[in-house]
Amino acid sequence: MRTAVATTATLLVTAALTPQAFAATLEVNSATGIGSHLCNVTADGGPAGEACFRKDGDYFYLFSYNPGDRVAVQWKLTDGSRQGLIRWNPTERYRWGVKNKNFYEYKTVQFRFGVCQGGGCDTIGEVAWQTGWKTASVD
């Protein structure tokens, strides 16, 4: 009986130490302005704007129809290894923002688009989500 309990305890400790057992730290970044974009998958936020992902290069693009509205994209790799939030404050010159995330190949990313609400848009809770999750492959 002691051997069975010890073996079970060892398995539980080992499982708890695997990378999947830890939640990935939230990577928070800001996008930089860009004049054009090219995407494979888009999360259309209607009159608020949109976010999209380009798998060749792992680029996220964010757009807002209103230069006064800060927008964000939340993303996560489906294997749980990475997750993040990218913010974009559009200007009169650049309505589109871009951020390269440089993922490992052959991963799957999910993302959604939202509008920042108060604060600095530093947490997921400070965003009013305009879309559901979209899925794209990383090549």
N, C-alpha and C. Protein backbone atom coordinates (compact mmCIF):
# COMPACT_ATOMS: atom_id res chain seq x y z
N MET A 1 0.82 -1.18 0.00
CA MET A 1 0.00 0.00 0.00
C MET A 1 0.87 1.25 0.00
N ARG A 2 1.95 1.25 0.82
CA ARG A 2 2.84 2.41 0.86
C ARG A 2 3.49 2.65 -0.51
N THR A 3 3.86 1.59 -1.18
CA THR A 3 4.47 1.72 -2.50
C THR A 3 3.50 2.36 -3.48
N ALA A 4 2.25 1.95 -3.44
CA ALA A 4 1.23 2.51 -4.33
C ALA A 4 1.03 3.99 -4.05
N VAL A 5 0.98 4.38 -2.78
CA VAL A 5 0.80 5.78 -2.41
C VAL A 5 2.03 6.59 -2.84
N ALA A 6 3.22 6.08 -2.61
CA ALA A 6 4.44 6.77 -2.99
C ALA A 6 4.54 6.94 -4.50
N THR A 7 4.17 5.92 -5.24
CA THR A 7 4.19 5.99 -6.70
C THR A 7 3.19 7.02 -7.20
N THR A 8 2.00 7.04 -6.63
CA THR A 8 0.98 8.01 -7.02
C THR A 8 1.47 9.43 -6.71
N ALA A 9 2.06 9.64 -5.55
CA ALA A 9 2.57 10.96 -5.18
C ALA A 9 3.67 11.40 -6.13
N THR A 10 4.56 10.49 -6.51
CA THR A 10 5.64 10.81 -7.46
C THR A 10 5.06 11.22 -8.81
N LEU A 11 4.07 10.50 -9.28
CA LEU A 11 3.43 10.83 -10.56
C LEU A 11 2.77 12.19 -10.50
N LEU A 12 2.10 12.51 -9.41
CA LEU A 12 1.44 13.82 -9.28
C LEU A 12 2.46 14.95 -9.27
N VAL A 13 3.56 14.79 -8.57
CA VAL A 13 4.60 15.81 -8.54
C VAL A 13 5.22 15.98 -9.93
N THR A 14 5.50 14.87 -10.60
CA THR A 14 6.06 14.93 -11.95
C THR A 14 5.11 15.64 -12.91
N ALA A 15 3.83 15.32 -12.85
CA ALA A 15 2.85 15.97 -13.72
C ALA A 15 2.76 17.45 -13.43
N ALA A 16 2.87 17.84 -12.17
CA ALA A 16 2.79 19.25 -11.81
C ALA A 16 3.99 20.04 -12.31
N LEU A 17 5.12 19.39 -12.57
CA LEU A 17 6.31 20.08 -13.00
C LEU A 17 6.46 20.17 -14.52
N THR A 18 5.55 19.56 -15.26
CA THR A 18 5.64 19.64 -16.71
C THR A 18 5.31 21.05 -17.18
N PRO A 19 5.83 21.49 -18.35
CA PRO A 19 5.54 22.83 -18.85
C PRO A 19 4.05 23.09 -19.00
N GLN A 20 3.27 22.10 -19.36
CA GLN A 20 1.83 22.29 -19.53
C GLN A 20 1.14 22.66 -18.22
N ALA A 21 1.75 22.32 -17.09
CA ALA A 21 1.13 22.57 -15.80
C ALA A 21 1.22 24.05 -15.40
N PHE A 22 2.10 24.81 -16.02
CA PHE A 22 2.26 26.21 -15.68
C PHE A 22 1.57 27.08 -16.71
N ALA A 23 0.87 28.11 -16.23
CA ALA A 23 0.25 29.06 -17.14
C ALA A 23 1.35 29.96 -17.70
N ALA A 24 1.33 30.18 -19.00
CA ALA A 24 2.32 31.04 -19.63
C ALA A 24 2.13 32.47 -19.14
N THR A 25 3.23 33.18 -18.95
CA THR A 25 3.20 34.58 -18.55
C THR A 25 2.58 35.40 -19.68
N LEU A 26 1.77 36.39 -19.32
CA LEU A 26 1.15 37.26 -20.31
C LEU A 26 2.19 38.22 -20.86
N GLU A 27 2.47 38.12 -22.17
CA GLU A 27 3.39 39.04 -22.84
C GLU A 27 2.57 40.25 -23.27
N VAL A 28 2.94 41.44 -22.80
CA VAL A 28 2.22 42.67 -23.15
C VAL A 28 3.13 43.53 -24.01
N ASN A 29 2.66 43.86 -25.22
CA ASN A 29 3.44 44.64 -26.17
C ASN A 29 2.58 45.74 -26.77
N SER A 30 3.25 46.71 -27.37
CA SER A 30 2.57 47.73 -28.15
C SER A 30 2.97 47.57 -29.61
N ALA A 31 2.02 47.81 -30.49
CA ALA A 31 2.28 47.75 -31.92
C ALA A 31 2.90 49.07 -32.38
N THR A 32 3.53 49.05 -33.54
CA THR A 32 4.06 50.26 -34.15
C THR A 32 3.31 50.51 -35.45
N GLY A 33 3.28 51.76 -35.87
CA GLY A 33 2.52 52.15 -37.05
C GLY A 33 3.07 51.58 -38.34
N ILE A 34 2.15 51.26 -39.24
CA ILE A 34 2.53 50.72 -40.55
C ILE A 34 1.49 51.18 -41.58
N GLY A 35 1.93 51.38 -42.80
CA GLY A 35 1.04 51.90 -43.83
C GLY A 35 0.20 50.86 -44.55
N SER A 36 0.56 49.59 -44.48
CA SER A 36 -0.21 48.57 -45.18
C SER A 36 -0.15 47.26 -44.40
N HIS A 37 -0.93 46.30 -44.85
CA HIS A 37 -0.94 45.00 -44.17
C HIS A 37 -1.35 43.91 -45.15
N LEU A 38 -1.03 42.68 -44.79
CA LEU A 38 -1.43 41.50 -45.56
C LEU A 38 -1.66 40.39 -44.55
N CYS A 39 -2.88 39.82 -44.54
CA CYS A 39 -3.24 38.86 -43.50
C CYS A 39 -3.82 37.57 -44.07
N ASN A 40 -3.75 36.51 -43.24
CA ASN A 40 -4.36 35.23 -43.58
C ASN A 40 -5.69 35.02 -42.86
N VAL A 41 -5.79 35.47 -41.61
CA VAL A 41 -7.01 35.29 -40.81
C VAL A 41 -7.34 36.62 -40.13
N THR A 42 -8.62 37.02 -40.18
CA THR A 42 -9.05 38.31 -39.63
C THR A 42 -10.13 38.12 -38.58
N ALA A 43 -10.04 38.92 -37.51
CA ALA A 43 -11.08 39.02 -36.50
C ALA A 43 -11.71 40.40 -36.70
N ASP A 44 -12.89 40.43 -37.32
CA ASP A 44 -13.56 41.68 -37.69
C ASP A 44 -14.40 42.19 -36.53
N GLY A 45 -14.00 43.34 -35.99
CA GLY A 45 -14.71 43.95 -34.87
C GLY A 45 -15.75 44.96 -35.28
N GLY A 46 -16.26 44.86 -36.52
CA GLY A 46 -17.30 45.77 -36.98
C GLY A 46 -16.84 47.22 -36.99
N PRO A 47 -17.68 48.13 -36.49
CA PRO A 47 -17.34 49.56 -36.55
C PRO A 47 -16.17 49.95 -35.64
N ALA A 48 -15.72 49.05 -34.76
CA ALA A 48 -14.60 49.37 -33.87
C ALA A 48 -13.26 49.21 -34.56
N GLY A 49 -13.15 48.24 -35.48
CA GLY A 49 -11.88 47.98 -36.15
C GLY A 49 -11.67 46.49 -36.34
N GLU A 50 -10.43 46.06 -36.40
CA GLU A 50 -10.13 44.65 -36.59
C GLU A 50 -8.70 44.32 -36.21
N ALA A 51 -8.46 43.02 -36.05
CA ALA A 51 -7.12 42.48 -35.86
C ALA A 51 -6.98 41.34 -36.84
N CYS A 52 -5.77 41.13 -37.32
CA CYS A 52 -5.55 40.00 -38.21
C CYS A 52 -4.15 39.45 -38.02
N PHE A 53 -3.96 38.24 -38.52
CA PHE A 53 -2.70 37.52 -38.35
C PHE A 53 -2.15 37.11 -39.70
N ARG A 54 -0.86 37.32 -39.88
CA ARG A 54 -0.15 36.87 -41.08
C ARG A 54 0.81 35.78 -40.67
N LYS A 55 0.56 34.56 -41.16
CA LYS A 55 1.36 33.42 -40.72
C LYS A 55 2.79 33.44 -41.27
N ASP A 56 3.01 34.07 -42.40
CA ASP A 56 4.37 34.20 -42.94
C ASP A 56 5.06 35.34 -42.20
N GLY A 57 5.76 35.02 -41.13
CA GLY A 57 6.44 36.03 -40.33
C GLY A 57 5.83 36.24 -38.96
N ASP A 58 4.64 35.67 -38.72
CA ASP A 58 3.99 35.75 -37.40
C ASP A 58 3.67 37.19 -36.99
N TYR A 59 3.02 37.92 -37.88
CA TYR A 59 2.67 39.32 -37.63
C TYR A 59 1.21 39.44 -37.22
N PHE A 60 0.97 40.26 -36.21
CA PHE A 60 -0.38 40.68 -35.86
C PHE A 60 -0.53 42.12 -36.31
N TYR A 61 -1.67 42.42 -36.94
CA TYR A 61 -2.00 43.77 -37.35
C TYR A 61 -3.27 44.18 -36.62
N LEU A 62 -3.32 45.44 -36.19
CA LEU A 62 -4.50 45.99 -35.51
C LEU A 62 -4.93 47.26 -36.22
N PHE A 63 -6.24 47.48 -36.27
CA PHE A 63 -6.79 48.65 -36.95
C PHE A 63 -7.94 49.21 -36.14
N SER A 64 -8.02 50.54 -36.07
CA SER A 64 -9.15 51.21 -35.45
C SER A 64 -9.67 52.27 -36.40
N TYR A 65 -10.99 52.35 -36.53
CA TYR A 65 -11.58 53.39 -37.38
C TYR A 65 -11.43 54.77 -36.77
N ASN A 66 -11.27 54.83 -35.45
CA ASN A 66 -11.19 56.10 -34.74
C ASN A 66 -9.80 56.27 -34.12
N PRO A 67 -9.06 57.31 -34.52
CA PRO A 67 -7.72 57.51 -33.95
C PRO A 67 -7.73 57.67 -32.42
N GLY A 68 -8.87 57.99 -31.83
CA GLY A 68 -8.95 58.16 -30.38
C GLY A 68 -9.20 56.87 -29.62
N ASP A 69 -9.50 55.79 -30.33
CA ASP A 69 -9.82 54.51 -29.67
C ASP A 69 -8.63 53.57 -29.70
N ARG A 70 -8.10 53.29 -28.53
CA ARG A 70 -7.01 52.31 -28.42
C ARG A 70 -7.60 50.91 -28.52
N VAL A 71 -6.98 50.06 -29.31
CA VAL A 71 -7.48 48.70 -29.52
C VAL A 71 -6.41 47.68 -29.12
N ALA A 72 -6.85 46.43 -29.02
CA ALA A 72 -5.93 45.38 -28.59
C ALA A 72 -6.28 44.06 -29.24
N VAL A 73 -5.31 43.18 -29.30
CA VAL A 73 -5.53 41.79 -29.70
C VAL A 73 -4.96 40.92 -28.59
N GLN A 74 -5.76 39.96 -28.14
CA GLN A 74 -5.28 38.95 -27.21
C GLN A 74 -4.98 37.72 -28.04
N TRP A 75 -3.83 37.08 -27.79
CA TRP A 75 -3.46 35.88 -28.54
C TRP A 75 -2.96 34.81 -27.57
N LYS A 76 -3.05 33.57 -28.02
CA LYS A 76 -2.52 32.45 -27.22
C LYS A 76 -2.19 31.30 -28.16
N LEU A 77 -1.10 30.61 -27.86
CA LEU A 77 -0.78 29.39 -28.59
C LEU A 77 -1.61 28.28 -27.96
N THR A 78 -2.17 27.42 -28.79
CA THR A 78 -3.08 26.39 -28.29
C THR A 78 -2.40 25.34 -27.43
N ASP A 79 -1.06 25.25 -27.49
CA ASP A 79 -0.36 24.30 -26.62
C ASP A 79 -0.12 24.88 -25.23
N GLY A 80 -0.52 26.13 -24.99
CA GLY A 80 -0.39 26.75 -23.69
C GLY A 80 0.98 27.33 -23.38
N SER A 81 1.91 27.29 -24.33
CA SER A 81 3.27 27.72 -24.05
C SER A 81 3.47 29.24 -24.03
N ARG A 82 2.62 29.99 -24.74
CA ARG A 82 2.74 31.45 -24.78
C ARG A 82 1.37 32.08 -24.92
N GLN A 83 1.24 33.30 -24.37
CA GLN A 83 0.02 34.08 -24.52
C GLN A 83 0.38 35.56 -24.41
N GLY A 84 -0.47 36.42 -24.95
CA GLY A 84 -0.12 37.82 -24.87
C GLY A 84 -1.25 38.76 -25.23
N LEU A 85 -0.92 40.05 -25.09
CA LEU A 85 -1.82 41.15 -25.38
C LEU A 85 -1.01 42.19 -26.13
N ILE A 86 -1.50 42.60 -27.30
CA ILE A 86 -0.84 43.64 -28.09
C ILE A 86 -1.79 44.82 -28.18
N ARG A 87 -1.28 46.00 -27.83
CA ARG A 87 -2.09 47.22 -27.84
C ARG A 87 -1.68 48.12 -29.00
N TRP A 88 -2.65 48.88 -29.48
CA TRP A 88 -2.36 49.81 -30.56
C TRP A 88 -3.19 51.07 -30.37
N ASN A 89 -2.50 52.21 -30.40
CA ASN A 89 -3.15 53.51 -30.31
C ASN A 89 -3.00 54.18 -31.66
N PRO A 90 -4.03 54.12 -32.52
CA PRO A 90 -3.90 54.65 -33.87
C PRO A 90 -3.69 56.17 -33.87
N THR A 91 -3.07 56.64 -34.95
CA THR A 91 -2.80 58.06 -35.11
C THR A 91 -3.42 58.52 -36.43
N GLU A 92 -3.37 59.81 -36.68
CA GLU A 92 -3.85 60.31 -37.97
C GLU A 92 -3.00 59.76 -39.11
N ARG A 93 -1.71 59.56 -38.87
CA ARG A 93 -0.82 59.05 -39.91
C ARG A 93 -0.97 57.55 -40.11
N TYR A 94 -1.06 56.79 -39.01
CA TYR A 94 -1.14 55.33 -39.10
C TYR A 94 -2.37 54.82 -38.39
N ARG A 95 -3.30 54.28 -39.15
CA ARG A 95 -4.46 53.62 -38.55
C ARG A 95 -4.14 52.17 -38.22
N TRP A 96 -3.19 51.58 -38.96
CA TRP A 96 -2.77 50.19 -38.74
C TRP A 96 -1.53 50.15 -37.87
N GLY A 97 -1.50 49.18 -36.94
CA GLY A 97 -0.31 48.90 -36.15
C GLY A 97 0.11 47.46 -36.39
N VAL A 98 1.38 47.15 -36.16
CA VAL A 98 1.90 45.81 -36.41
C VAL A 98 2.84 45.39 -35.28
N LYS A 99 2.83 44.10 -34.99
CA LYS A 99 3.76 43.52 -34.02
C LYS A 99 4.12 42.12 -34.49
N ASN A 100 5.42 41.84 -34.56
CA ASN A 100 5.92 40.51 -34.92
C ASN A 100 6.15 39.73 -33.64
N LYS A 101 5.64 38.50 -33.56
CA LYS A 101 5.78 37.69 -32.35
C LYS A 101 6.77 36.54 -32.50
N ASN A 102 7.18 36.18 -33.69
CA ASN A 102 8.23 35.17 -33.89
C ASN A 102 7.95 33.87 -33.13
N PHE A 103 6.88 33.19 -33.51
CA PHE A 103 6.52 31.92 -32.88
C PHE A 103 7.36 30.78 -33.46
N TYR A 104 7.42 29.68 -32.72
CA TYR A 104 8.01 28.46 -33.27
C TYR A 104 7.11 27.94 -34.37
N GLU A 105 7.69 27.28 -35.34
CA GLU A 105 6.94 26.75 -36.47
C GLU A 105 5.99 25.63 -36.04
N TYR A 106 4.98 25.43 -36.84
CA TYR A 106 4.00 24.35 -36.69
C TYR A 106 3.21 24.44 -35.39
N LYS A 107 2.93 25.65 -34.95
CA LYS A 107 2.06 25.90 -33.81
C LYS A 107 0.72 26.40 -34.33
N THR A 108 -0.26 26.47 -33.44
CA THR A 108 -1.55 27.05 -33.76
C THR A 108 -1.80 28.20 -32.79
N VAL A 109 -2.21 29.33 -33.34
CA VAL A 109 -2.47 30.51 -32.52
C VAL A 109 -3.95 30.85 -32.60
N GLN A 110 -4.51 31.31 -31.48
CA GLN A 110 -5.86 31.83 -31.44
C GLN A 110 -5.77 33.29 -31.02
N PHE A 111 -6.66 34.13 -31.55
CA PHE A 111 -6.65 35.55 -31.20
C PHE A 111 -8.04 36.15 -31.30
N ARG A 112 -8.21 37.28 -30.59
CA ARG A 112 -9.47 38.02 -30.64
C ARG A 112 -9.17 39.51 -30.53
N PHE A 113 -10.12 40.31 -31.00
CA PHE A 113 -9.95 41.76 -31.09
C PHE A 113 -10.86 42.47 -30.10
N GLY A 114 -10.36 43.58 -29.52
CA GLY A 114 -11.18 44.36 -28.61
C GLY A 114 -10.76 45.81 -28.54
N VAL A 115 -11.56 46.59 -27.81
CA VAL A 115 -11.32 48.01 -27.59
C VAL A 115 -10.92 48.21 -26.13
N CYS A 116 -9.85 48.96 -25.91
CA CYS A 116 -9.36 49.20 -24.55
C CYS A 116 -10.35 50.09 -23.80
N GLN A 117 -10.57 49.75 -22.54
CA GLN A 117 -11.48 50.47 -21.67
C GLN A 117 -10.70 51.04 -20.50
N GLY A 118 -10.52 52.35 -20.44
CA GLY A 118 -9.82 52.97 -19.32
C GLY A 118 -8.43 52.39 -19.12
N GLY A 119 -7.77 52.80 -18.09
CA GLY A 119 -6.46 52.25 -17.76
C GLY A 119 -5.50 52.27 -18.93
N GLY A 120 -4.47 51.49 -18.83
CA GLY A 120 -3.46 51.45 -19.87
C GLY A 120 -3.62 50.30 -20.83
N CYS A 121 -4.69 49.53 -20.67
CA CYS A 121 -4.90 48.35 -21.50
C CYS A 121 -3.74 47.37 -21.29
N ASP A 122 -3.37 47.23 -20.02
CA ASP A 122 -2.25 46.36 -19.65
C ASP A 122 -2.68 44.96 -19.25
N THR A 123 -3.98 44.77 -19.07
CA THR A 123 -4.50 43.46 -18.68
C THR A 123 -5.68 43.09 -19.57
N ILE A 124 -5.98 41.81 -19.60
CA ILE A 124 -7.09 41.32 -20.42
C ILE A 124 -8.42 41.90 -19.94
N GLY A 125 -8.53 42.15 -18.63
CA GLY A 125 -9.75 42.70 -18.06
C GLY A 125 -10.03 44.14 -18.45
N GLU A 126 -9.07 44.84 -19.03
CA GLU A 126 -9.26 46.23 -19.44
C GLU A 126 -9.68 46.35 -20.91
N VAL A 127 -10.13 45.25 -21.50
CA VAL A 127 -10.50 45.25 -22.91
C VAL A 127 -11.93 44.76 -23.07
N ALA A 128 -12.72 45.50 -23.87
CA ALA A 128 -14.07 45.07 -24.23
C ALA A 128 -13.95 44.30 -25.55
N TRP A 129 -14.11 42.98 -25.50
CA TRP A 129 -13.88 42.12 -26.65
C TRP A 129 -15.01 42.27 -27.66
N GLN A 130 -14.63 42.49 -28.93
CA GLN A 130 -15.57 42.71 -30.02
C GLN A 130 -15.76 41.47 -30.88
N THR A 131 -14.88 40.49 -30.74
CA THR A 131 -14.96 39.28 -31.56
C THR A 131 -14.76 38.05 -30.68
N GLY A 132 -15.11 36.91 -31.26
CA GLY A 132 -14.76 35.64 -30.64
C GLY A 132 -13.35 35.26 -31.06
N TRP A 133 -12.91 34.08 -30.66
CA TRP A 133 -11.58 33.61 -30.99
C TRP A 133 -11.50 33.16 -32.45
N LYS A 134 -10.42 33.54 -33.12
CA LYS A 134 -10.10 33.10 -34.47
C LYS A 134 -8.85 32.22 -34.36
N THR A 135 -8.71 31.27 -35.28
CA THR A 135 -7.60 30.32 -35.23
C THR A 135 -6.79 30.38 -36.51
N ALA A 136 -5.46 30.34 -36.36
CA ALA A 136 -4.57 30.34 -37.51
C ALA A 136 -3.38 29.42 -37.24
N SER A 137 -2.85 28.84 -38.31
CA SER A 137 -1.64 27.99 -38.21
C SER A 137 -0.42 28.88 -38.36
N VAL A 138 0.65 28.52 -37.68
CA VAL A 138 1.92 29.21 -37.78
C VAL A 138 2.82 28.36 -38.68
N ASP A 139 3.31 28.95 -39.74
CA ASP A 139 4.18 28.21 -40.67
C ASP A 139 5.62 28.67 -40.56
